[in-house]
Amino acid sequence: MLPHRITEDQTSFISKTFLIRYCEEEVEINDIVLFRAEIDVGPNYLTTEFLLEVDLMFCDLSDLGGPTAWKQNSKFYETRANFKLVQTQSYAMSRLPTGVCEFVPVNF
């Protein structure tokens, strides 16, 4: 499977990919990401709204030879995988302008 990575052009983080084999399967990813946001101190800076947006993407491996072919040569398929958006969740971060860190567990 593909490892986790940061995409500089989209200023985003992509978790490692994983294979779903059956309905309602639970997959523990355990990727931890630390973001740092810098805002100018000015009038009403404490009301600055921060949102964490998380997208769940899906790729049908049957078009690429199935899961066995993917595991054998994931680098070859990395450019051929066509991931599609399945679901999006947004989380409002409170107290961020005051310097308080938040932990946000993500479940789909």
Protein backbone atom coordinates (compact mmCIF):
# COMPACT_ATOMS: atom_id res chain seq x y z
CA MET A 1 0.00 0.00 0.00
CA LEU A 2 1.03 3.63 -0.39
CA PRO A 3 2.69 5.34 2.61
CA HIS A 4 1.44 8.53 4.24
CA ARG A 5 2.74 11.79 2.79
CA ILE A 6 2.38 15.57 2.76
CA THR A 7 1.36 17.33 -0.44
CA GLU A 8 2.95 20.76 -0.52
CA ASP A 9 0.91 22.01 -3.49
CA GLN A 10 -2.40 21.33 -1.71
CA THR A 11 -1.07 21.98 1.82
CA SER A 12 -2.60 18.72 2.96
CA PHE A 13 -1.73 15.39 4.50
CA ILE A 14 -2.59 12.03 2.93
CA SER A 15 -2.72 9.02 5.23
CA LYS A 16 -1.38 5.63 4.23
CA THR A 17 -3.70 3.66 1.98
CA PHE A 18 -5.39 0.52 3.22
CA LEU A 19 -7.37 -2.33 1.73
CA ILE A 20 -11.02 -2.91 2.69
CA ARG A 21 -11.92 -6.56 2.32
CA TYR A 22 -15.46 -6.68 3.74
CA CYS A 23 -18.35 -4.47 4.83
CA GLU A 24 -18.02 -2.66 8.20
CA GLU A 25 -14.34 -3.57 8.52
CA GLU A 26 -12.46 -1.45 11.04
CA VAL A 27 -9.00 -0.23 10.06
CA GLU A 28 -6.74 1.48 12.58
CA ILE A 29 -4.46 3.91 10.77
CA ASN A 30 -2.65 5.59 13.69
CA ASP A 31 -1.28 8.47 11.62
CA ILE A 32 -0.72 11.59 13.70
CA VAL A 33 -0.42 14.98 12.06
CA LEU A 34 0.72 18.20 13.69
CA PHE A 35 -0.44 21.40 11.98
CA ARG A 36 0.76 24.85 12.87
CA ALA A 37 -1.30 27.91 12.06
CA GLU A 38 -0.04 31.46 12.38
CA ILE A 39 -2.47 34.38 12.48
CA ASP A 40 -1.91 38.09 12.89
CA VAL A 41 -2.92 39.51 16.24
CA GLY A 42 -5.47 42.17 15.54
CA PRO A 43 -9.01 43.11 16.36
CA ASN A 44 -11.20 40.04 16.76
CA TYR A 45 -8.37 37.56 16.16
CA LEU A 46 -9.81 35.34 18.90
CA THR A 47 -12.88 34.78 16.73
CA THR A 48 -10.84 33.42 13.81
CA GLU A 49 -12.54 30.26 12.60
CA PHE A 50 -10.42 27.16 11.98
CA LEU A 51 -11.81 24.09 10.26
CA LEU A 52 -10.21 20.71 9.81
CA GLU A 53 -11.60 19.07 6.67
CA VAL A 54 -11.16 15.31 6.23
CA ASP A 55 -11.94 13.47 2.98
CA LEU A 56 -12.45 9.73 2.60
CA MET A 57 -11.29 8.56 -0.84
CA PHE A 58 -11.92 5.25 -2.64
CA CYS A 59 -10.19 3.45 -5.52
CA ASP A 60 -11.60 0.36 -7.25
CA LEU A 61 -8.62 -2.00 -7.61
CA SER A 62 -10.40 -4.34 -10.03
CA ASP A 63 -9.50 -1.89 -12.83
CA LEU A 64 -5.81 -2.24 -11.87
CA GLY A 65 -5.52 -6.01 -11.65
CA GLY A 66 -6.93 -6.48 -8.15
CA PRO A 67 -5.41 -6.29 -4.66
CA THR A 68 -2.74 -8.92 -5.33
CA ALA A 69 -1.23 -6.94 -8.21
CA TRP A 70 -1.43 -3.76 -6.13
CA LYS A 71 0.51 -5.28 -3.21
CA GLN A 72 3.22 -6.65 -5.49
CA ASN A 73 4.01 -3.34 -7.19
CA SER A 74 2.26 -0.42 -5.48
CA LYS A 75 4.74 2.15 -6.86
CA PHE A 76 3.75 1.20 -10.42
CA TYR A 77 0.07 1.73 -9.63
CA GLU A 78 0.57 4.92 -7.62
CA THR A 79 0.17 7.08 -10.72
CA ARG A 80 -2.63 4.93 -12.17
CA ALA A 81 -4.89 4.81 -9.11
CA ASN A 82 -8.01 6.91 -9.59
CA PHE A 83 -9.24 7.84 -6.12
CA LYS A 84 -12.77 9.23 -5.85
CA LEU A 85 -14.27 11.25 -3.01
CA VAL A 86 -16.68 9.19 -0.90
CA GLN A 87 -17.32 11.38 2.16
CA THR A 88 -16.16 14.64 3.74
CA GLN A 89 -16.23 15.66 7.39
CA SER A 90 -15.46 19.10 8.81
CA TYR A 91 -14.38 19.71 12.38
CA ALA A 92 -14.47 23.16 13.98
CA MET A 93 -11.34 23.80 16.01
CA SER A 94 -12.10 25.80 19.13
CA ARG A 95 -9.57 27.70 21.24
CA LEU A 96 -6.86 27.49 18.56
CA PRO A 97 -6.14 31.25 18.52
CA THR A 98 -5.36 31.04 22.25
CA GLY A 99 -2.66 28.44 21.63
CA VAL A 100 -4.51 25.41 22.94
CA CYS A 101 -3.84 22.15 21.11
CA GLU A 102 -6.68 19.84 20.13
CA PHE A 103 -6.90 16.12 19.50
CA VAL A 104 -9.45 15.13 16.86
CA PRO A 105 -10.14 11.42 16.36
CA VAL A 106 -11.60 10.87 12.88
CA ASN A 107 -14.13 8.13 12.18
CA PHE A 108 -16.02 7.43 8.98
